[in-house]
């Protein structure tokens, strides 16, 4: 079953960069995953995100408040 990777943020440049990096990491690792943007402020707040961009994998918040490097993104994906 594919992992569900969500990028939580209002569509700012940092959120777009995070989305691009997570997609690159998925491709490089060959993981079966779907990368989606979540830009609805109410959803973001309800998930307990205090700083964006944030990343959730299969509903679990794994990163908040910074853009991951490609290596960090791969590490996060490998652990989750």
PDB file of N, CA and C in Angstrom:
ATOM      1  N   UNK A   1       0.838  -1.191   0.000  1.00  0.00           N
ATOM      2  CA  UNK A   1       0.000   0.000   0.000  1.00  0.00           C
ATOM      3  C   UNK A   1       0.884   1.257   0.000  1.00  0.00           C
ATOM      4  N   UNK A   2       0.494   2.233  -0.778  1.00  0.00           N
ATOM      5  CA  UNK A   2       1.282   3.465  -0.911  1.00  0.00           C
ATOM      6  C   UNK A   2       1.251   4.285   0.374  1.00  0.00           C
ATOM      7  N   UNK A   3       2.408   4.875   0.680  1.00  0.00           N
ATOM      8  CA  UNK A   3       2.469   5.816   1.799  1.00  0.00           C
ATOM      9  C   UNK A   3       1.753   7.086   1.372  1.00  0.00           C
ATOM     10  N   UNK A   4       1.149   7.757   2.354  1.00  0.00           N
ATOM     11  CA  UNK A   4       0.511   9.045   2.089  1.00  0.00           C
ATOM     12  C   UNK A   4       1.364  10.115   2.751  1.00  0.00           C
ATOM     13  N   UNK A   5       1.993  10.935   1.920  1.00  0.00           N
ATOM     14  CA  UNK A   5       2.856  12.004   2.410  1.00  0.00           C
ATOM     15  C   UNK A   5       2.127  13.321   2.170  1.00  0.00           C
ATOM     16  N   UNK A   6       1.928  14.069   3.256  1.00  0.00           N
ATOM     17  CA  UNK A   6       1.225  15.339   3.137  1.00  0.00           C
ATOM     18  C   UNK A   6       2.157  16.490   3.500  1.00  0.00           C
ATOM     19  N   UNK A   7       2.145  17.516   2.661  1.00  0.00           N
ATOM     20  CA  UNK A   7       2.889  18.738   2.926  1.00  0.00           C
ATOM     21  C   UNK A   7       1.853  19.743   3.417  1.00  0.00           C
ATOM     22  N   UNK A   8       1.988  20.146   4.675  1.00  0.00           N
ATOM     23  CA  UNK A   8       1.024  21.062   5.273  1.00  0.00           C
ATOM     24  C   UNK A   8       1.583  22.478   5.262  1.00  0.00           C
ATOM     25  N   UNK A   9       0.848  23.384   4.638  1.00  0.00           N
ATOM     26  CA  UNK A   9       1.265  24.772   4.561  1.00  0.00           C
ATOM     27  C   UNK A   9       0.352  25.528   3.616  1.00  0.00           C
ATOM     28  N   UNK A  10       0.441  26.833   3.669  1.00  0.00           N
ATOM     29  CA  UNK A  10      -0.480  27.681   2.920  1.00  0.00           C
ATOM     30  C   UNK A  10      -0.048  27.965   1.482  1.00  0.00           C
ATOM     31  N   UNK A  11       0.933  27.247   0.979  1.00  0.00           N
ATOM     32  CA  UNK A  11       1.342  27.427  -0.408  1.00  0.00           C
ATOM     33  C   UNK A  11       2.468  28.430  -0.597  1.00  0.00           C
ATOM     34  N   UNK A  12       3.188  28.723   0.466  1.00  0.00           N
ATOM     35  CA  UNK A  12       4.318  29.649   0.377  1.00  0.00           C
ATOM     36  C   UNK A  12       5.485  28.978  -0.349  1.00  0.00           C
ATOM     37  N   UNK A  13       6.515  29.750  -0.647  1.00  0.00           N
ATOM     38  CA  UNK A  13       7.686  29.221  -1.360  1.00  0.00           C
ATOM     39  C   UNK A  13       8.336  28.079  -0.591  1.00  0.00           C
ATOM     40  N   UNK A  14       8.408  28.185   0.747  1.00  0.00           N
ATOM     41  CA  UNK A  14       9.015  27.123   1.564  1.00  0.00           C
ATOM     42  C   UNK A  14       8.201  25.837   1.469  1.00  0.00           C
ATOM     43  N   UNK A  15       6.891  25.960   1.437  1.00  0.00           N
ATOM     44  CA  UNK A  15       6.023  24.780   1.333  1.00  0.00           C
ATOM     45  C   UNK A  15       6.187  24.117  -0.039  1.00  0.00           C
ATOM     46  N   UNK A  16       6.279  24.940  -1.074  1.00  0.00           N
ATOM     47  CA  UNK A  16       6.463  24.407  -2.428  1.00  0.00           C
ATOM     48  C   UNK A  16       7.811  23.696  -2.546  1.00  0.00           C
ATOM     49  N   UNK A  17       8.848  24.267  -1.941  1.00  0.00           N
ATOM     50  CA  UNK A  17      10.174  23.657  -1.962  1.00  0.00           C
ATOM     51  C   UNK A  17      10.152  22.319  -1.211  1.00  0.00           C
ATOM     52  N   UNK A  18       9.480  22.293  -0.066  1.00  0.00           N
ATOM     53  CA  UNK A  18       9.364  21.054   0.721  1.00  0.00           C
ATOM     54  C   UNK A  18       8.654  19.981  -0.101  1.00  0.00           C
ATOM     55  N   UNK A  19       7.599  20.351  -0.805  1.00  0.00           N
ATOM     56  CA  UNK A  19       6.854  19.412  -1.648  1.00  0.00           C
ATOM     57  C   UNK A  19       7.783  18.826  -2.712  1.00  0.00           C
ATOM     58  N   UNK A  20       8.554  19.697  -3.365  1.00  0.00           N
ATOM     59  CA  UNK A  20       9.467  19.259  -4.421  1.00  0.00           C
ATOM     60  C   UNK A  20      10.530  18.301  -3.865  1.00  0.00           C
ATOM     61  N   UNK A  21      11.093  18.630  -2.706  1.00  0.00           N
ATOM     62  CA  UNK A  21      12.129  17.786  -2.091  1.00  0.00           C
ATOM     63  C   UNK A  21      11.555  16.422  -1.699  1.00  0.00           C
ATOM     64  N   UNK A  22      10.365  16.405  -1.125  1.00  0.00           N
ATOM     65  CA  UNK A  22       9.763  15.125  -0.721  1.00  0.00           C
ATOM     66  C   UNK A  22       9.482  14.262  -1.956  1.00  0.00           C
ATOM     67  N   UNK A  23       9.036  14.880  -3.042  1.00  0.00           N
ATOM     68  CA  UNK A  23       8.803  14.120  -4.277  1.00  0.00           C
ATOM     69  C   UNK A  23      10.110  13.544  -4.825  1.00  0.00           C
ATOM     70  N   UNK A  24      11.189  14.336  -4.766  1.00  0.00           N
ATOM     71  CA  UNK A  24      12.495  13.851  -5.227  1.00  0.00           C
ATOM     72  C   UNK A  24      12.960  12.675  -4.369  1.00  0.00           C
ATOM     73  N   UNK A  25      12.769  12.769  -3.061  1.00  0.00           N
ATOM     74  CA  UNK A  25      13.189  11.701  -2.153  1.00  0.00           C
ATOM     75  C   UNK A  25      12.410  10.416  -2.434  1.00  0.00           C
ATOM     76  N   UNK A  26      11.114  10.536  -2.645  1.00  0.00           N
ATOM     77  CA  UNK A  26      10.275   9.376  -2.966  1.00  0.00           C
ATOM     78  C   UNK A  26      10.792   8.712  -4.245  1.00  0.00           C
ATOM     79  N   UNK A  27      11.080   9.526  -5.259  1.00  0.00           N
ATOM     80  CA  UNK A  27      11.553   8.997  -6.541  1.00  0.00           C
ATOM     81  C   UNK A  27      12.913   8.314  -6.384  1.00  0.00           C
ATOM     82  N   UNK A  28      13.838   8.967  -5.673  1.00  0.00           N
ATOM     83  CA  UNK A  28      15.182   8.400  -5.510  1.00  0.00           C
ATOM     84  C   UNK A  28      15.174   7.103  -4.709  1.00  0.00           C
ATOM     85  N   UNK A  29      14.276   7.015  -3.727  1.00  0.00           N
ATOM     86  CA  UNK A  29      14.201   5.805  -2.908  1.00  0.00           C
ATOM     87  C   UNK A  29      13.344   4.719  -3.547  1.00  0.00           C
ATOM     88  N   UNK A  30      12.587   5.090  -4.579  1.00  0.00           N
ATOM     89  CA  UNK A  30      11.717   4.122  -5.241  1.00  0.00           C
ATOM     90  C   UNK A  30      10.557   3.674  -4.377  1.00  0.00           C
ATOM     91  N   UNK A  31      10.070   4.577  -3.533  1.00  0.00           N
ATOM     92  CA  UNK A  31       8.973   4.259  -2.609  1.00  0.00           C
ATOM     93  C   UNK A  31       7.626   4.447  -3.305  1.00  0.00           C
ATOM     94  N   UNK A  32       6.699   3.558  -2.997  1.00  0.00           N
ATOM     95  CA  UNK A  32       5.324   3.685  -3.479  1.00  0.00           C
ATOM     96  C   UNK A  32       4.639   4.687  -2.551  1.00  0.00           C
ATOM     97  N   UNK A  33       4.480   5.922  -3.025  1.00  0.00           N
ATOM     98  CA  UNK A  33       3.915   6.962  -2.175  1.00  0.00           C
ATOM     99  C   UNK A  33       3.178   8.003  -3.000  1.00  0.00           C
ATOM    100  N   UNK A  34       2.238   8.662  -2.355  1.00  0.00           N
ATOM    101  CA  UNK A  34       1.500   9.777  -2.935  1.00  0.00           C
ATOM    102  C   UNK A  34       1.864  11.003  -2.112  1.00  0.00           C
ATOM    103  N   UNK A  35       2.315  12.073  -2.785  1.00  0.00           N
ATOM    104  CA  UNK A  35       2.670  13.317  -2.095  1.00  0.00           C
ATOM    105  C   UNK A  35       1.566  14.334  -2.389  1.00  0.00           C
ATOM    106  N   UNK A  36       0.916  14.810  -1.321  1.00  0.00           N
ATOM    107  CA  UNK A  36      -0.199  15.744  -1.468  1.00  0.00           C
ATOM    108  C   UNK A  36       0.061  17.018  -0.688  1.00  0.00           C
ATOM    109  N   UNK A  37      -0.537  18.103  -1.155  1.00  0.00           N
ATOM    110  CA  UNK A  37      -0.487  19.372  -0.432  1.00  0.00           C
ATOM    111  C   UNK A  37      -1.753  19.506   0.405  1.00  0.00           C
ATOM    112  N   UNK A  38      -1.595  20.006   1.618  1.00  0.00           N
ATOM    113  CA  UNK A  38      -2.740  20.340   2.461  1.00  0.00           C
ATOM    114  C   UNK A  38      -2.602  21.829   2.760  1.00  0.00           C
ATOM    115  N   UNK A  39      -3.478  22.629   2.159  1.00  0.00           N
ATOM    116  CA  UNK A  39      -3.385  24.075   2.305  1.00  0.00           C
ATOM    117  C   UNK A  39      -4.534  24.669   3.107  1.00  0.00           C
ATOM    118  N   UNK A  40      -5.443  23.824   3.588  1.00  0.00           N
ATOM    119  CA  UNK A  40      -6.584  24.290   4.371  1.00  0.00           C
ATOM    120  C   UNK A  40      -6.131  24.616   5.794  1.00  0.00           C
ATOM    121  N   UNK A  41      -6.223  25.887   6.178  1.00  0.00           N
ATOM    122  CA  UNK A  41      -5.723  26.342   7.475  1.00  0.00           C
ATOM    123  C   UNK A  41      -6.357  25.585   8.640  1.00  0.00           C
ATOM    124  N   UNK A  42      -7.642  25.318   8.559  1.00  0.00           N
ATOM    125  CA  UNK A  42      -8.322  24.604   9.646  1.00  0.00           C
ATOM    126  C   UNK A  42      -7.752  23.195   9.825  1.00  0.00           C
ATOM    127  N   UNK A  43      -7.516  22.502   8.716  1.00  0.00           N
ATOM    128  CA  UNK A  43      -6.918  21.154   8.782  1.00  0.00           C
ATOM    129  C   UNK A  43      -5.521  21.214   9.389  1.00  0.00           C
ATOM    130  N   UNK A  44      -4.745  22.211   8.973  1.00  0.00           N
ATOM    131  CA  UNK A  44      -3.371  22.359   9.464  1.00  0.00           C
ATOM    132  C   UNK A  44      -3.380  22.585  10.975  1.00  0.00           C
ATOM    133  N   UNK A  45      -4.231  23.495  11.438  1.00  0.00           N
ATOM    134  CA  UNK A  45      -4.336  23.795  12.880  1.00  0.00           C
ATOM    135  C   UNK A  45      -4.818  22.568  13.651  1.00  0.00           C
ATOM    136  N   UNK A  46      -5.807  21.876  13.106  1.00  0.00           N
ATOM    137  CA  UNK A  46      -6.361  20.691  13.784  1.00  0.00           C
ATOM    138  C   UNK A  46      -5.349  19.571  13.941  1.00  0.00           C
ATOM    139  N   UNK A  47      -4.304  19.580  13.136  1.00  0.00           N
ATOM    140  CA  UNK A  47      -3.257  18.556  13.244  1.00  0.00           C
ATOM    141  C   UNK A  47      -2.165  18.953  14.230  1.00  0.00           C
ATOM    142  N   UNK A  48      -2.312  20.139  14.834  1.00  0.00           N
ATOM    143  CA  UNK A  48      -1.343  20.565  15.839  1.00  0.00           C
ATOM    144  C   UNK A  48      -0.081  21.174  15.259  1.00  0.00           C
ATOM    145  N   UNK A  49      -0.130  21.595  14.006  1.00  0.00           N
ATOM    146  CA  UNK A  49       1.039  22.203  13.381  1.00  0.00           C
ATOM    147  C   UNK A  49       1.164  23.646  13.858  1.00  0.00           C
ATOM    148  N   UNK A  50       2.316  23.971  14.432  1.00  0.00           N
ATOM    149  CA  UNK A  50       2.533  25.338  14.905  1.00  0.00           C
ATOM    150  C   UNK A  50       3.403  26.138  13.948  1.00  0.00           C
ATOM    151  N   UNK A  51       4.168  25.467  13.092  1.00  0.00           N
ATOM    152  CA  UNK A  51       5.028  26.142  12.123  1.00  0.00           C
ATOM    153  C   UNK A  51       5.028  25.360  10.814  1.00  0.00           C
ATOM    154  N   UNK A  52       4.929  26.089   9.718  1.00  0.00           N
ATOM    155  CA  UNK A  52       4.968  25.451   8.405  1.00  0.00           C
ATOM    156  C   UNK A  52       6.276  25.828   7.716  1.00  0.00           C
ATOM    157  N   UNK A  53       6.716  25.062   6.762  1.00  0.00           N
ATOM    158  CA  UNK A  53       6.074  23.860   6.237  1.00  0.00           C
ATOM    159  C   UNK A  53       6.169  22.699   7.223  1.00  0.00           C
ATOM    160  N   UNK A  54       5.213  21.799   7.108  1.00  0.00           N
ATOM    161  CA  UNK A  54       5.209  20.601   7.937  1.00  0.00           C
ATOM    162  C   UNK A  54       4.967  19.393   7.028  1.00  0.00           C
ATOM    163  N   UNK A  55       5.438  18.238   7.477  1.00  0.00           N
ATOM    164  CA  UNK A  55       5.283  17.007   6.705  1.00  0.00           C
ATOM    165  C   UNK A  55       4.655  15.944   7.598  1.00  0.00           C
ATOM    166  N   UNK A  56       3.629  15.288   7.067  1.00  0.00           N
ATOM    167  CA  UNK A  56       3.010  14.165   7.763  1.00  0.00           C
ATOM    168  C   UNK A  56       3.102  12.942   6.851  1.00  0.00           C
ATOM    169  N   UNK A  57       3.421  11.804   7.437  1.00  0.00           N
ATOM    170  CA  UNK A  57       3.458  10.551   6.693  1.00  0.00           C
ATOM    171  C   UNK A  57       2.438   9.615   7.326  1.00  0.00           C
ATOM    172  N   UNK A  58       1.497   9.176   6.505  1.00  0.00           N
ATOM    173  CA  UNK A  58       0.401   8.320   6.965  1.00  0.00           C
ATOM    174  C   UNK A  58      -0.255   8.896   8.226  1.00  0.00           C
ATOM    175  N   UNK A  59      -0.471  10.220   8.219  1.00  0.00           N
ATOM    176  CA  UNK A  59      -1.174  10.882   9.304  1.00  0.00           C
ATOM    177  C   UNK A  59      -0.319  11.293  10.490  1.00  0.00           C
ATOM    178  N   UNK A  60       0.940  10.884  10.513  1.00  0.00           N
ATOM    179  CA  UNK A  60       1.833  11.191  11.641  1.00  0.00           C
ATOM    180  C   UNK A  60       2.744  12.356  11.275  1.00  0.00           C
ATOM    181  N   UNK A  61       2.716  13.416  12.088  1.00  0.00           N
ATOM    182  CA  UNK A  61       3.555  14.581  11.853  1.00  0.00           C
ATOM    183  C   UNK A  61       5.016  14.210  12.091  1.00  0.00           C
ATOM    184  N   UNK A  62       5.870  14.409  11.084  1.00  0.00           N
ATOM    185  CA  UNK A  62       7.282  14.009  11.199  1.00  0.00           C
ATOM    186  C   UNK A  62       8.255  15.173  11.060  1.00  0.00           C
ATOM    187  N   UNK A  63       7.765  16.335  10.625  1.00  0.00           N
ATOM    188  CA  UNK A  63       8.637  17.498  10.449  1.00  0.00           C
ATOM    189  C   UNK A  63       7.783  18.753  10.494  1.00  0.00           C
ATOM    190  N   UNK A  64       8.298  19.788  11.148  1.00  0.00           N
ATOM    191  CA  UNK A  64       7.547  21.036  11.234  1.00  0.00           C
ATOM    192  C   UNK A  64       8.498  22.221  11.328  1.00  0.00           C
ATOM    193  N   UNK A  65       8.182  23.266  10.572  1.00  0.00           N
ATOM    194  CA  UNK A  65       8.889  24.524  10.709  1.00  0.00           C
ATOM    195  C   UNK A  65      10.166  24.681   9.921  1.00  0.00           C
ATOM    196  N   UNK A  66      10.470  23.731   9.016  1.00  0.00           N
ATOM    197  CA  UNK A  66      11.683  23.893   8.214  1.00  0.00           C
ATOM    198  C   UNK A  66      11.593  23.095   6.929  1.00  0.00           C
ATOM    199  N   UNK A  67      12.429  23.500   5.982  1.00  0.00           N
ATOM    200  CA  UNK A  67      12.537  22.773   4.717  1.00  0.00           C
ATOM    201  C   UNK A  67      13.588  21.682   4.917  1.00  0.00           C
ATOM    202  N   UNK A  68      13.232  20.431   4.655  1.00  0.00           N
ATOM    203  CA  UNK A  68      14.250  19.383   4.811  1.00  0.00           C
ATOM    204  C   UNK A  68      15.228  19.405   3.641  1.00  0.00           C
ATOM    205  N   UNK A  69      16.452  18.972   3.892  1.00  0.00           N
ATOM    206  CA  UNK A  69      17.371  18.732   2.774  1.00  0.00           C
ATOM    207  C   UNK A  69      16.920  17.435   2.126  1.00  0.00           C
ATOM    208  N   UNK A  70      17.434  17.134   0.962  1.00  0.00           N
ATOM    209  CA  UNK A  70      17.089  15.876   0.301  1.00  0.00           C
ATOM    210  C   UNK A  70      17.496  14.693   1.174  1.00  0.00           C
ATOM    211  N   UNK A  71      18.659  14.777   1.807  1.00  0.00           N
ATOM    212  CA  UNK A  71      19.111  13.687   2.686  1.00  0.00           C
ATOM    213  C   UNK A  71      18.188  13.516   3.896  1.00  0.00           C
ATOM    214  N   UNK A  72      17.765  14.635   4.495  1.00  0.00           N
ATOM    215  CA  UNK A  72      16.827  14.555   5.631  1.00  0.00           C
ATOM    216  C   UNK A  72      15.511  13.928   5.185  1.00  0.00           C
ATOM    217  N   UNK A  73      15.031  14.327   4.024  1.00  0.00           N
ATOM    218  CA  UNK A  73      13.773  13.785   3.503  1.00  0.00           C
ATOM    219  C   UNK A  73      13.883  12.271   3.310  1.00  0.00           C
ATOM    220  N   UNK A  74      14.999  11.817   2.762  1.00  0.00           N
ATOM    221  CA  UNK A  74      15.192  10.370   2.563  1.00  0.00           C
ATOM    222  C   UNK A  74      15.246   9.641   3.907  1.00  0.00           C
ATOM    223  N   UNK A  75      15.925  10.238   4.890  1.00  0.00           N
ATOM    224  CA  UNK A  75      15.995   9.625   6.220  1.00  0.00           C
ATOM    225  C   UNK A  75      14.601   9.507   6.844  1.00  0.00           C
ATOM    226  N   UNK A  76      13.826  10.577   6.742  1.00  0.00           N
ATOM    227  CA  UNK A  76      12.466  10.582   7.291  1.00  0.00           C
ATOM    228  C   UNK A  76      11.634   9.494   6.621  1.00  0.00           C
ATOM    229  N   UNK A  77      11.715   9.399   5.314  1.00  0.00           N
ATOM    230  CA  UNK A  77      10.936   8.395   4.583  1.00  0.00           C
ATOM    231  C   UNK A  77      11.381   6.979   4.917  1.00  0.00           C
ATOM    232  N   UNK A  78      12.671   6.788   5.101  1.00  0.00           N
ATOM    233  CA  UNK A  78      13.187   5.454   5.421  1.00  0.00           C
ATOM    234  C   UNK A  78      12.748   4.996   6.815  1.00  0.00           C
ATOM    235  N   UNK A  79      12.614   5.952   7.741  1.00  0.00           N
ATOM    236  CA  UNK A  79      12.220   5.616   9.120  1.00  0.00           C
ATOM    237  C   UNK A  79      10.720   5.410   9.257  1.00  0.00           C
ATOM    238  N   UNK A  80       9.944   6.002   8.369  1.00  0.00           N
ATOM    239  CA  UNK A  80       8.474   5.955   8.505  1.00  0.00           C
ATOM    240  C   UNK A  80       7.892   5.107   7.421  1.00  0.00           C
TER     241      UNK A  80
END
